[in-house]
Protein backbone atom coordinates (compact mmCIF):
# COMPACT_ATOMS: atom_id res chain seq x y z
CA MET A 1 21.08 -31.76 16.24
CA LEU A 2 18.79 -31.51 12.98
CA ALA A 3 16.86 -28.77 14.58
CA ASN A 4 19.86 -26.58 14.61
CA ILE A 5 20.58 -27.04 10.86
CA THR A 6 18.88 -24.50 8.63
CA VAL A 7 17.67 -24.46 5.12
CA LYS A 8 20.35 -21.90 4.28
CA ASP A 9 22.99 -24.60 5.01
CA TYR A 10 21.78 -26.93 2.39
CA MET A 11 19.93 -24.77 -0.24
CA THR A 12 21.11 -24.15 -3.77
CA SER A 13 22.01 -20.55 -4.31
CA LYS A 14 23.08 -20.85 -7.89
CA LEU A 15 19.65 -20.54 -9.43
CA VAL A 16 17.98 -21.09 -12.78
CA LEU A 17 15.28 -18.53 -12.96
CA PHE A 18 12.21 -17.97 -15.23
CA GLN A 19 10.57 -14.66 -16.22
CA PRO A 20 6.75 -14.80 -16.75
CA GLU A 21 7.12 -13.48 -20.40
CA MET A 22 9.52 -16.30 -21.28
CA GLY A 23 8.16 -18.52 -23.83
CA VAL A 24 7.29 -22.25 -22.81
CA TYR A 25 9.70 -23.83 -25.47
CA GLU A 26 12.72 -21.74 -24.10
CA ALA A 27 11.57 -22.64 -20.48
CA ILE A 28 11.43 -26.39 -21.30
CA ARG A 29 14.81 -26.24 -22.92
CA LYS A 30 16.21 -24.57 -19.82
CA LEU A 31 14.77 -27.24 -17.57
CA LEU A 32 16.38 -30.06 -19.71
CA ASP A 33 19.55 -28.26 -20.38
CA ASN A 34 20.02 -27.81 -16.47
CA LYS A 35 18.65 -31.17 -15.60
CA ILE A 36 16.17 -29.88 -13.09
CA THR A 37 12.56 -30.43 -12.52
CA GLY A 38 11.55 -26.84 -11.73
CA ALA A 39 12.53 -23.33 -10.96
CA PRO A 40 11.09 -20.07 -9.56
CA VAL A 41 9.37 -17.52 -11.80
CA VAL A 42 10.50 -13.99 -10.89
CA ASP A 43 9.52 -10.53 -11.92
CA GLY A 44 12.06 -7.84 -12.82
CA ASN A 45 12.64 -7.10 -9.15
CA GLY A 46 13.40 -10.52 -8.26
CA LYS A 47 9.96 -11.08 -6.50
CA VAL A 48 8.83 -14.71 -6.56
CA LEU A 49 5.58 -14.87 -8.66
CA GLY A 50 5.36 -18.69 -8.81
CA ALA A 51 7.15 -21.74 -10.13
CA PHE A 52 7.44 -23.38 -13.35
CA SER A 53 8.09 -27.25 -13.44
CA GLU A 54 7.80 -30.43 -15.26
CA VAL A 55 4.33 -30.78 -14.04
CA ASP A 56 3.33 -27.52 -15.64
CA CYS A 57 4.93 -28.72 -18.84
CA LEU A 58 2.80 -31.83 -18.81
CA LYS A 59 -0.24 -29.50 -18.55
CA ILE A 60 1.07 -27.80 -21.78
CA ALA A 61 1.27 -31.08 -23.56
CA SER A 62 -2.20 -31.90 -22.54
CA ASN A 63 -3.42 -28.46 -23.76
CA ALA A 64 -1.58 -29.18 -27.10
CA THR A 65 -4.06 -31.98 -27.80
CA TYR A 66 -6.95 -29.54 -27.67
CA TYR A 67 -5.42 -26.54 -29.19
CA GLU A 68 -2.87 -28.32 -31.55
CA GLY A 69 0.17 -26.34 -30.42
CA MET A 70 2.26 -25.57 -27.41
CA ALA A 71 2.88 -21.80 -27.66
CA GLY A 72 2.48 -19.74 -24.74
CA LYS A 73 4.22 -18.00 -22.04
CA VAL A 74 5.46 -19.19 -18.63
CA SER A 75 2.91 -17.09 -16.96
CA GLU A 76 0.13 -18.88 -18.60
CA PHE A 77 1.09 -22.17 -17.17
CA MET A 78 3.14 -21.65 -14.03
CA THR A 79 1.96 -22.73 -10.66
CA THR A 80 1.24 -19.49 -8.65
CA ASP A 81 0.47 -21.17 -5.28
CA VAL A 82 3.97 -21.89 -4.09
CA THR A 83 5.28 -22.71 -0.70
CA THR A 84 8.30 -20.62 0.46
CA VAL A 85 10.52 -20.91 3.31
CA ASP A 86 12.96 -18.47 5.04
CA THR A 87 16.83 -19.01 5.22
CA ASP A 88 16.55 -19.64 8.95
CA THR A 89 13.79 -22.28 8.69
CA SER A 90 15.15 -25.59 10.20
CA ILE A 91 15.61 -28.67 8.12
CA LEU A 92 13.15 -30.45 10.36
CA GLU A 93 10.56 -27.91 9.48
CA ALA A 94 11.26 -28.12 5.81
CA ALA A 95 11.12 -31.87 5.99
CA ASP A 96 7.65 -31.48 7.44
CA LEU A 97 6.49 -29.13 4.75
CA PHE A 98 7.88 -31.54 2.08
CA ALA A 99 5.94 -34.64 3.67
CA GLN A 100 2.75 -32.63 3.34
CA SER A 101 3.17 -31.43 -0.20
CA HIS A 102 3.57 -32.75 -3.67
CA LEU A 103 6.23 -30.07 -4.34
CA ARG A 104 9.80 -31.10 -4.86
CA HIS A 105 11.48 -27.56 -4.31
CA PHE A 106 10.51 -24.55 -2.23
CA PRO A 107 12.02 -21.11 -3.04
CA VAL A 108 13.96 -19.76 -0.03
CA LEU A 109 13.63 -16.15 0.95
CA ASP A 110 15.88 -13.91 2.98
CA ASP A 111 14.10 -10.81 4.16
CA GLY A 112 11.59 -11.47 1.48
CA LYS A 113 13.86 -11.69 -1.36
CA LEU A 114 14.89 -14.87 -3.18
CA ALA A 115 18.00 -16.27 -1.80
CA GLY A 116 17.80 -19.85 -3.08
CA VAL A 117 15.98 -23.18 -3.54
CA VAL A 118 15.78 -26.08 -1.30
CA SER A 119 14.63 -29.59 -2.46
CA ARG A 120 13.87 -32.82 -1.10
CA VAL A 121 17.27 -34.11 -1.90
CA ASP A 122 18.83 -31.36 -0.01
CA ILE A 123 16.81 -32.52 3.07
CA LEU A 124 18.17 -35.90 2.59
CA ARG A 125 21.71 -34.70 2.31
CA ALA A 126 21.12 -32.84 5.69
CA LEU A 127 19.99 -36.07 7.26
CA LEU A 128 22.99 -38.00 6.24
CA SER A 129 25.20 -35.14 7.51
CA ILE A 130 24.41 -36.14 11.05
CA HIS A 131 25.17 -39.72 10.65
């Protein structure tokens, strides 16, 4: 049954997005205001360039020790090696990817364009849906 459930059925499509030129203070505030742990970084055409997360923020804090400041742009600290999944990826396949990754969210693409984000919590909701 789970093999028939796709990421599209449980992904979040109302997205918080970051642009590479956004300042890190603004991005951190956006994470906190939206109570999220990370979000995709996209260019002007909506292409996924990476992700900016709480882990990246911790790197910023660590750098502040050495450089006595936290200024900078999202592009300087974002993670560029991001796993993406397609809207038709099965929940089971996504669960396997999460099990092998430290990431909490994957951008979801539909024909190469950002359609949403799926999280570990979304996978758990899908598991409960069949119970």
